[in-house]
Amino acid sequence: MSGNTDSVDGQHSGDGVYETEFIPYINKWGRRTNALAVLLSLGPAVALLTVFDILPPTQAITGAFISVAATFGIFWVVEPLSYYPVLGIPGTYMAFLSGNISNLRLPCAAAAQESADVQTGTPKGSIISTIAIAASIGVNTTLLGVGAFALVSTFQALPELWQNALDSYLVPAVFGAIFAQFGRDYPKVAGAGFVLALAMTMLLELGYLGVFPGYPLYMVIIVSVFGTILIARWMWKQGMIEPPEES
């Protein structure tokens, strides 16, 4: 009896340290490092203005921002929300700072959680995700240095068919594997999300989303992501699925 009590007390103690010490520390430095990254990304523009006195016309800046926001703006909202359950708070800071989220950080975090047999959205899942993302950043940075010199020529030497396959299908294949992994744990949610995404894609291809401005791929993303979230929440309230539990 005492052994079980000690185990439970240890688990609660660990959760308390995670919430009261680890996460505040991560938020403190995560915000600072990401804010620094934003400032550094503006460095070239600031240098052009302060050193060379070059400033594009206001219309050009506004037009460029509108073009980028119209194309990628939806990802500024969808990606943090949809990736967060797998990445966790520390992993979110690290992934958005280092990049390559969908094709590297997210798959590494998901694979590590699967291997460690922990649930996403839990403190244990967040810790495992943090370790996996940190390892992937170190390996990725090292291999990029080598690849920049060695692998580019190798890729260019591949047959055109292979190059096209890697360019076009690598990321969808990774997402397909992640979908299969989590779909196994939540088949009802996976089925609903798949049907919803397929229906929206068909509407897009058939031209029924033409009433929205621009190329309305963003509507497929919005409805698929947030629609699946709402469906999963409804299933949870109806007792059709169980919330994640600590392993």
C-alpha atoms as a PDB file:
ATOM      1  CA  MET A   1       0.000   0.000   0.000  1.00  0.00           C
ATOM      2  CA  SER A   2       2.797   2.363   0.919  1.00  0.00           C
ATOM      3  CA  GLY A   3       4.576   1.550  -2.350  1.00  0.00           C
ATOM      4  CA  ASN A   4       1.520   2.559  -4.373  1.00  0.00           C
ATOM      5  CA  THR A   5       1.146   5.718  -2.301  1.00  0.00           C
ATOM      6  CA  ASP A   6       4.780   6.625  -2.889  1.00  0.00           C
ATOM      7  CA  SER A   7       4.323   6.057  -6.613  1.00  0.00           C
ATOM      8  CA  VAL A   8       1.246   8.272  -6.748  1.00  0.00           C
ATOM      9  CA  ASP A   9       2.897  10.950  -4.614  1.00  0.00           C
ATOM     10  CA  GLY A  10       5.948  10.846  -6.877  1.00  0.00           C
ATOM     11  CA  GLN A  11       3.790  11.238  -9.974  1.00  0.00           C
ATOM     12  CA  HIS A  12       1.931  14.231  -8.503  1.00  0.00           C
ATOM     13  CA  SER A  13       5.252  15.722  -7.371  1.00  0.00           C
ATOM     14  CA  GLY A  14       6.648  15.328 -10.880  1.00  0.00           C
ATOM     15  CA  ASP A  15       3.567  16.934 -12.403  1.00  0.00           C
ATOM     16  CA  GLY A  16       3.885  19.799  -9.910  1.00  0.00           C
ATOM     17  CA  VAL A  17       7.508  20.459 -10.863  1.00  0.00           C
ATOM     18  CA  TYR A  18       6.527  20.344 -14.534  1.00  0.00           C
ATOM     19  CA  GLU A  19       3.741  22.916 -14.111  1.00  0.00           C
ATOM     20  CA  THR A  20       5.291  25.227 -11.504  1.00  0.00           C
ATOM     21  CA  GLU A  21       8.986  25.212 -12.443  1.00  0.00           C
ATOM     22  CA  PHE A  22       9.676  23.682 -15.857  1.00  0.00           C
ATOM     23  CA  ILE A  23       6.924  25.339 -17.930  1.00  0.00           C
ATOM     24  CA  PRO A  24       7.445  28.869 -16.491  1.00  0.00           C
ATOM     25  CA  TYR A  25      11.172  28.530 -17.250  1.00  0.00           C
ATOM     26  CA  ILE A  26      10.407  27.338 -20.789  1.00  0.00           C
ATOM     27  CA  ASN A  27       7.928  30.174 -21.375  1.00  0.00           C
ATOM     28  CA  LYS A  28      10.437  32.735 -20.135  1.00  0.00           C
ATOM     29  CA  TRP A  29      13.256  31.678 -22.452  1.00  0.00           C
ATOM     30  CA  GLY A  30      11.031  30.477 -25.278  1.00  0.00           C
ATOM     31  CA  ARG A  31       9.459  33.906 -25.655  1.00  0.00           C
ATOM     32  CA  ARG A  32      12.843  35.613 -25.497  1.00  0.00           C
ATOM     33  CA  THR A  33      14.546  33.392 -28.053  1.00  0.00           C
ATOM     34  CA  ASN A  34      11.616  33.532 -30.475  1.00  0.00           C
ATOM     35  CA  ALA A  35      11.374  37.312 -30.109  1.00  0.00           C
ATOM     36  CA  LEU A  36      15.118  37.513 -30.787  1.00  0.00           C
ATOM     37  CA  ALA A  37      14.645  35.383 -33.899  1.00  0.00           C
ATOM     38  CA  VAL A  38      11.986  37.808 -35.155  1.00  0.00           C
ATOM     39  CA  LEU A  39      14.316  40.756 -34.613  1.00  0.00           C
ATOM     40  CA  LEU A  40      17.210  38.993 -36.347  1.00  0.00           C
ATOM     41  CA  SER A  41      14.990  38.106 -39.307  1.00  0.00           C
ATOM     42  CA  LEU A  42      14.350  41.821 -39.747  1.00  0.00           C
ATOM     43  CA  GLY A  43      18.095  42.520 -39.584  1.00  0.00           C
ATOM     44  CA  PRO A  44      18.740  42.677 -43.351  1.00  0.00           C
ATOM     45  CA  ALA A  45      15.865  45.124 -43.848  1.00  0.00           C
ATOM     46  CA  VAL A  46      17.079  47.296 -40.973  1.00  0.00           C
ATOM     47  CA  ALA A  47      20.624  47.215 -42.380  1.00  0.00           C
ATOM     48  CA  LEU A  48      19.396  48.323 -45.816  1.00  0.00           C
ATOM     49  CA  LEU A  49      17.538  51.216 -44.190  1.00  0.00           C
ATOM     50  CA  THR A  50      20.144  52.387 -41.674  1.00  0.00           C
ATOM     51  CA  VAL A  51      23.383  51.687 -43.566  1.00  0.00           C
ATOM     52  CA  PHE A  52      22.420  52.104 -47.216  1.00  0.00           C
ATOM     53  CA  ASP A  53      19.347  54.352 -46.758  1.00  0.00           C
ATOM     54  CA  ILE A  54      17.228  52.050 -48.935  1.00  0.00           C
ATOM     55  CA  LEU A  55      13.507  51.972 -48.197  1.00  0.00           C
ATOM     56  CA  PRO A  56      10.982  50.370 -50.571  1.00  0.00           C
ATOM     57  CA  PRO A  57       7.824  52.353 -51.313  1.00  0.00           C
ATOM     58  CA  THR A  58       4.989  51.910 -48.840  1.00  0.00           C
ATOM     59  CA  GLN A  59       2.779  50.435 -51.566  1.00  0.00           C
ATOM     60  CA  ALA A  60       5.382  47.768 -52.324  1.00  0.00           C
ATOM     61  CA  ILE A  61       5.685  46.801 -48.634  1.00  0.00           C
ATOM     62  CA  THR A  62       1.910  46.715 -48.172  1.00  0.00           C
ATOM     63  CA  GLY A  63       1.361  44.738 -51.373  1.00  0.00           C
ATOM     64  CA  ALA A  64       4.045  42.211 -50.466  1.00  0.00           C
ATOM     65  CA  PHE A  65       2.587  41.722 -46.986  1.00  0.00           C
ATOM     66  CA  ILE A  66      -0.925  41.248 -48.342  1.00  0.00           C
ATOM     67  CA  SER A  67       0.328  38.706 -50.898  1.00  0.00           C
ATOM     68  CA  VAL A  68       2.193  36.707 -48.260  1.00  0.00           C
ATOM     69  CA  ALA A  69      -0.650  36.922 -45.732  1.00  0.00           C
ATOM     70  CA  ALA A  70      -3.210  35.816 -48.307  1.00  0.00           C
ATOM     71  CA  THR A  71      -1.104  32.763 -49.151  1.00  0.00           C
ATOM     72  CA  PHE A  72       0.343  31.758 -45.796  1.00  0.00           C
ATOM     73  CA  GLY A  73      -1.666  33.697 -43.204  1.00  0.00           C
ATOM     74  CA  ILE A  74      -3.925  30.784 -42.363  1.00  0.00           C
ATOM     75  CA  PHE A  75      -0.884  28.713 -41.378  1.00  0.00           C
ATOM     76  CA  TRP A  76      -0.001  31.313 -38.730  1.00  0.00           C
ATOM     77  CA  VAL A  77      -3.110  30.175 -36.850  1.00  0.00           C
ATOM     78  CA  VAL A  78      -3.632  26.573 -37.930  1.00  0.00           C
ATOM     79  CA  GLU A  79      -0.105  25.228 -37.466  1.00  0.00           C
ATOM     80  CA  PRO A  80       0.459  26.255 -33.826  1.00  0.00           C
ATOM     81  CA  LEU A  81      -2.983  24.925 -32.853  1.00  0.00           C
ATOM     82  CA  SER A  82      -2.826  21.662 -34.788  1.00  0.00           C
ATOM     83  CA  TYR A  83       0.813  20.830 -33.978  1.00  0.00           C
ATOM     84  CA  TYR A  84       0.686  21.772 -30.294  1.00  0.00           C
ATOM     85  CA  PRO A  85      -0.800  18.515 -28.923  1.00  0.00           C
ATOM     86  CA  VAL A  86       2.172  16.552 -30.291  1.00  0.00           C
ATOM     87  CA  LEU A  87       4.908  19.151 -29.826  1.00  0.00           C
ATOM     88  CA  GLY A  88       3.927  20.402 -26.362  1.00  0.00           C
ATOM     89  CA  ILE A  89       4.904  23.839 -25.060  1.00  0.00           C
ATOM     90  CA  PRO A  90       8.723  23.402 -25.120  1.00  0.00           C
ATOM     91  CA  GLY A  91       8.597  21.600 -28.471  1.00  0.00           C
ATOM     92  CA  THR A  92       6.460  24.356 -29.992  1.00  0.00           C
ATOM     93  CA  TYR A  93       9.018  27.010 -29.127  1.00  0.00           C
ATOM     94  CA  MET A  94      11.875  24.850 -30.427  1.00  0.00           C
ATOM     95  CA  ALA A  95      10.130  23.716 -33.597  1.00  0.00           C
ATOM     96  CA  PHE A  96       8.981  27.154 -34.720  1.00  0.00           C
ATOM     97  CA  LEU A  97      12.431  28.533 -34.005  1.00  0.00           C
ATOM     98  CA  SER A  98      14.314  25.832 -35.908  1.00  0.00           C
ATOM     99  CA  GLY A  99      11.839  25.219 -38.760  1.00  0.00           C
ATOM    100  CA  ASN A 100      11.208  22.018 -40.743  1.00  0.00           C
ATOM    101  CA  ILE A 101       8.214  21.334 -38.518  1.00  0.00           C
ATOM    102  CA  SER A 102       5.926  19.261 -40.709  1.00  0.00           C
ATOM    103  CA  ASN A 103       8.621  17.172 -42.378  1.00  0.00           C
ATOM    104  CA  LEU A 104      10.994  16.659 -39.431  1.00  0.00           C
ATOM    105  CA  ARG A 105      10.150  17.998 -35.942  1.00  0.00           C
ATOM    106  CA  LEU A 106       6.567  16.710 -35.845  1.00  0.00           C
ATOM    107  CA  PRO A 107       7.382  13.198 -37.153  1.00  0.00           C
ATOM    108  CA  CYS A 108      10.330  12.902 -34.740  1.00  0.00           C
ATOM    109  CA  ALA A 109       8.179  13.931 -31.782  1.00  0.00           C
ATOM    110  CA  ALA A 110       5.366  11.574 -32.787  1.00  0.00           C
ATOM    111  CA  ALA A 111       7.731   8.643 -33.327  1.00  0.00           C
ATOM    112  CA  ALA A 112       9.443   9.232 -29.975  1.00  0.00           C
ATOM    113  CA  GLN A 113       6.107   9.356 -28.134  1.00  0.00           C
ATOM    114  CA  GLU A 114       5.053   6.153 -29.854  1.00  0.00           C
ATOM    115  CA  SER A 115       8.308   4.411 -28.891  1.00  0.00           C
ATOM    116  CA  ALA A 116       8.107   5.635 -25.290  1.00  0.00           C
ATOM    117  CA  ASP A 117       4.422   4.624 -25.097  1.00  0.00           C
ATOM    118  CA  VAL A 118       3.249   8.014 -23.807  1.00  0.00           C
ATOM    119  CA  GLN A 119       0.127   9.971 -24.727  1.00  0.00           C
ATOM    120  CA  THR A 120       0.178  13.275 -26.558  1.00  0.00           C
ATOM    121  CA  GLY A 121      -1.090  16.260 -24.617  1.00  0.00           C
ATOM    122  CA  THR A 122       0.362  15.029 -21.315  1.00  0.00           C
ATOM    123  CA  PRO A 123       3.433  16.190 -19.350  1.00  0.00           C
ATOM    124  CA  LYS A 124       5.241  12.936 -20.176  1.00  0.00           C
ATOM    125  CA  GLY A 125       4.410  13.317 -23.849  1.00  0.00           C
ATOM    126  CA  SER A 126       5.693  16.892 -23.771  1.00  0.00           C
ATOM    127  CA  ILE A 127       9.001  15.868 -22.181  1.00  0.00           C
ATOM    128  CA  ILE A 128       9.545  13.069 -24.696  1.00  0.00           C
ATOM    129  CA  SER A 129       8.691  15.464 -27.523  1.00  0.00           C
ATOM    130  CA  THR A 130      11.196  18.010 -26.205  1.00  0.00           C
ATOM    131  CA  ILE A 131      13.999  15.438 -26.110  1.00  0.00           C
ATOM    132  CA  ALA A 132      13.154  14.163 -29.597  1.00  0.00           C
ATOM    133  CA  ILE A 133      13.024  17.644 -31.123  1.00  0.00           C
ATOM    134  CA  ALA A 134      16.298  18.661 -29.452  1.00  0.00           C
ATOM    135  CA  ALA A 135      17.973  15.545 -30.866  1.00  0.00           C
ATOM    136  CA  SER A 136      16.505  16.175 -34.315  1.00  0.00           C
ATOM    137  CA  ILE A 137      17.775  19.762 -34.311  1.00  0.00           C
ATOM    138  CA  GLY A 138      21.310  18.613 -33.489  1.00  0.00           C
ATOM    139  CA  VAL A 139      21.293  15.855 -36.089  1.00  0.00           C
ATOM    140  CA  ASN A 140      19.545  18.035 -38.654  1.00  0.00           C
ATOM    141  CA  THR A 141      22.016  20.902 -38.249  1.00  0.00           C
ATOM    142  CA  THR A 142      24.980  18.562 -38.585  1.00  0.00           C
ATOM    143  CA  LEU A 143      23.600  16.740 -41.604  1.00  0.00           C
ATOM    144  CA  LEU A 144      22.606  19.987 -43.298  1.00  0.00           C
ATOM    145  CA  GLY A 145      26.208  21.111 -43.125  1.00  0.00           C
ATOM    146  CA  VAL A 146      27.313  17.893 -44.776  1.00  0.00           C
ATOM    147  CA  GLY A 147      24.386  17.789 -47.160  1.00  0.00           C
ATOM    148  CA  ALA A 148      24.950  21.303 -48.408  1.00  0.00           C
ATOM    149  CA  PHE A 149      28.241  20.148 -49.868  1.00  0.00           C
ATOM    150  CA  ALA A 150      27.759  16.451 -50.575  1.00  0.00           C
ATOM    151  CA  LEU A 151      24.100  15.557 -50.961  1.00  0.00           C
ATOM    152  CA  VAL A 152      23.027  18.304 -53.357  1.00  0.00           C
ATOM    153  CA  SER A 153      25.124  16.884 -56.175  1.00  0.00           C
ATOM    154  CA  THR A 154      23.911  13.387 -55.291  1.00  0.00           C
ATOM    155  CA  PHE A 155      20.284  14.499 -55.500  1.00  0.00           C
ATOM    156  CA  GLN A 156      20.913  16.179 -58.833  1.00  0.00           C
ATOM    157  CA  ALA A 157      22.433  12.953 -60.129  1.00  0.00           C
ATOM    158  CA  LEU A 158      19.262  10.984 -59.403  1.00  0.00           C
ATOM    159  CA  PRO A 159      16.897  10.199 -62.273  1.00  0.00           C
ATOM    160  CA  GLU A 160      14.285  12.889 -62.845  1.00  0.00           C
ATOM    161  CA  LEU A 161      11.507  10.502 -61.818  1.00  0.00           C
ATOM    162  CA  TRP A 162      13.113  10.016 -58.389  1.00  0.00           C
ATOM    163  CA  GLN A 163      13.664  13.739 -57.948  1.00  0.00           C
ATOM    164  CA  ASN A 164      10.026  14.465 -58.718  1.00  0.00           C
ATOM    165  CA  ALA A 165       8.909  11.716 -56.339  1.00  0.00           C
ATOM    166  CA  LEU A 166      10.978  13.150 -53.476  1.00  0.00           C
ATOM    167  CA  ASP A 167       9.856  16.713 -54.180  1.00  0.00           C
ATOM    168  CA  SER A 168       6.164  15.898 -54.561  1.00  0.00           C
ATOM    169  CA  TYR A 169       5.439  12.965 -52.265  1.00  0.00           C
ATOM    170  CA  LEU A 170       7.906  13.030 -49.376  1.00  0.00           C
ATOM    171  CA  VAL A 171       5.921  15.382 -47.125  1.00  0.00           C
ATOM    172  CA  PRO A 172       2.515  13.767 -47.927  1.00  0.00           C
ATOM    173  CA  ALA A 173       4.049  10.378 -47.135  1.00  0.00           C
ATOM    174  CA  VAL A 174       5.279  11.648 -43.760  1.00  0.00           C
ATOM    175  CA  PHE A 175       1.867  13.101 -42.923  1.00  0.00           C
ATOM    176  CA  GLY A 176       0.223   9.874 -44.041  1.00  0.00           C
ATOM    177  CA  ALA A 177       2.385   7.915 -41.614  1.00  0.00           C
ATOM    178  CA  ILE A 178       1.534  10.307 -38.763  1.00  0.00           C
ATOM    179  CA  PHE A 179      -2.161  10.106 -39.620  1.00  0.00           C
ATOM    180  CA  ALA A 180      -2.005   6.301 -39.536  1.00  0.00           C
ATOM    181  CA  GLN A 181      -0.181   6.354 -36.192  1.00  0.00           C
ATOM    182  CA  PHE A 182      -2.683   8.573 -34.393  1.00  0.00           C
ATOM    183  CA  GLY A 183      -5.627   7.192 -36.325  1.00  0.00           C
ATOM    184  CA  ARG A 184      -4.926   3.804 -34.782  1.00  0.00           C
ATOM    185  CA  ASP A 185      -5.427   5.277 -31.302  1.00  0.00           C
ATOM    186  CA  TYR A 186      -8.481   7.359 -32.246  1.00  0.00           C
ATOM    187  CA  PRO A 187     -10.066   5.647 -35.261  1.00  0.00           C
ATOM    188  CA  LYS A 188     -13.412   7.448 -34.924  1.00  0.00           C
ATOM    189  CA  VAL A 189     -11.787  10.874 -34.965  1.00  0.00           C
ATOM    190  CA  ALA A 190      -9.449   9.839 -37.773  1.00  0.00           C
ATOM    191  CA  GLY A 191     -12.356   8.606 -39.866  1.00  0.00           C
ATOM    192  CA  ALA A 192     -14.333  11.801 -39.339  1.00  0.00           C
ATOM    193  CA  GLY A 193     -11.317  13.957 -40.146  1.00  0.00           C
ATOM    194  CA  PHE A 194     -10.533  11.958 -43.280  1.00  0.00           C
ATOM    195  CA  VAL A 195     -14.105  12.232 -44.593  1.00  0.00           C
ATOM    196  CA  LEU A 196     -14.215  15.946 -43.841  1.00  0.00           C
ATOM    197  CA  ALA A 197     -10.882  16.642 -45.546  1.00  0.00           C
ATOM    198  CA  LEU A 198     -11.819  14.499 -48.553  1.00  0.00           C
ATOM    199  CA  ALA A 199     -15.166  16.287 -48.924  1.00  0.00           C
ATOM    200  CA  MET A 200     -13.550  19.719 -48.760  1.00  0.00           C
ATOM    201  CA  THR A 201     -10.860  18.699 -51.255  1.00  0.00           C
ATOM    202  CA  MET A 202     -13.520  17.481 -53.693  1.00  0.00           C
ATOM    203  CA  LEU A 203     -15.422  20.749 -53.319  1.00  0.00           C
ATOM    204  CA  LEU A 204     -12.211  22.610 -54.087  1.00  0.00           C
ATOM    205  CA  GLU A 205     -11.402  20.522 -57.149  1.00  0.00           C
ATOM    206  CA  LEU A 206     -14.965  20.835 -58.478  1.00  0.00           C
ATOM    207  CA  GLY A 207     -14.882  24.612 -58.128  1.00  0.00           C
ATOM    208  CA  TYR A 208     -17.556  24.964 -55.454  1.00  0.00           C
ATOM    209  CA  LEU A 209     -15.228  27.001 -53.232  1.00  0.00           C
ATOM    210  CA  GLY A 210     -14.726  29.634 -55.915  1.00  0.00           C
ATOM    211  CA  VAL A 211     -16.913  32.078 -53.987  1.00  0.00           C
ATOM    212  CA  PHE A 212     -13.972  32.658 -51.627  1.00  0.00           C
ATOM    213  CA  PRO A 213     -11.181  35.074 -52.655  1.00  0.00           C
ATOM    214  CA  GLY A 214      -7.932  33.802 -54.128  1.00  0.00           C
ATOM    215  CA  TYR A 215      -7.163  30.118 -54.350  1.00  0.00           C
ATOM    216  CA  PRO A 216      -9.369  28.789 -51.524  1.00  0.00           C
ATOM    217  CA  LEU A 217      -7.092  25.988 -50.367  1.00  0.00           C
ATOM    218  CA  TYR A 218      -7.130  27.770 -47.032  1.00  0.00           C
ATOM    219  CA  MET A 219     -10.815  26.886 -46.664  1.00  0.00           C
ATOM    220  CA  VAL A 220      -9.958  23.195 -46.952  1.00  0.00           C
ATOM    221  CA  ILE A 221      -7.389  23.612 -44.183  1.00  0.00           C
ATOM    222  CA  ILE A 222      -9.645  25.680 -41.911  1.00  0.00           C
ATOM    223  CA  VAL A 223     -12.668  23.398 -42.180  1.00  0.00           C
ATOM    224  CA  SER A 224     -10.617  20.184 -41.965  1.00  0.00           C
ATOM    225  CA  VAL A 225      -8.590  21.215 -38.914  1.00  0.00           C
ATOM    226  CA  PHE A 226     -11.180  23.052 -36.857  1.00  0.00           C
ATOM    227  CA  GLY A 227     -14.016  20.797 -38.018  1.00  0.00           C
ATOM    228  CA  THR A 228     -12.134  17.732 -36.807  1.00  0.00           C
ATOM    229  CA  ILE A 229     -11.427  19.455 -33.488  1.00  0.00           C
ATOM    230  CA  LEU A 230     -15.128  20.209 -33.013  1.00  0.00           C
ATOM    231  CA  ILE A 231     -16.139  16.682 -33.992  1.00  0.00           C
ATOM    232  CA  ALA A 232     -13.589  15.198 -31.577  1.00  0.00           C
ATOM    233  CA  ARG A 233     -14.860  17.457 -28.792  1.00  0.00           C
ATOM    234  CA  TRP A 234     -18.451  16.381 -29.507  1.00  0.00           C
ATOM    235  CA  MET A 235     -17.422  12.710 -29.479  1.00  0.00           C
ATOM    236  CA  TRP A 236     -15.647  13.225 -26.172  1.00  0.00           C
ATOM    237  CA  LYS A 237     -18.724  14.832 -24.589  1.00  0.00           C
ATOM    238  CA  GLN A 238     -20.875  11.981 -25.891  1.00  0.00           C
ATOM    239  CA  GLY A 239     -18.531   9.434 -24.331  1.00  0.00           C
ATOM    240  CA  MET A 240     -17.540   8.018 -27.723  1.00  0.00           C
ATOM    241  CA  ILE A 241     -13.808   8.568 -27.132  1.00  0.00           C
ATOM    242  CA  GLU A 242     -11.640   8.768 -24.037  1.00  0.00           C
ATOM    243  CA  PRO A 243      -9.301  11.686 -23.235  1.00  0.00           C
ATOM    244  CA  PRO A 244      -5.565  10.858 -23.147  1.00  0.00           C
ATOM    245  CA  GLU A 245      -4.263   9.342 -19.951  1.00  0.00           C
ATOM    246  CA  GLU A 246      -0.771   9.297 -18.504  1.00  0.00           C
ATOM    247  CA  SER A 247       1.185   6.131 -19.290  1.00  0.00           C
END
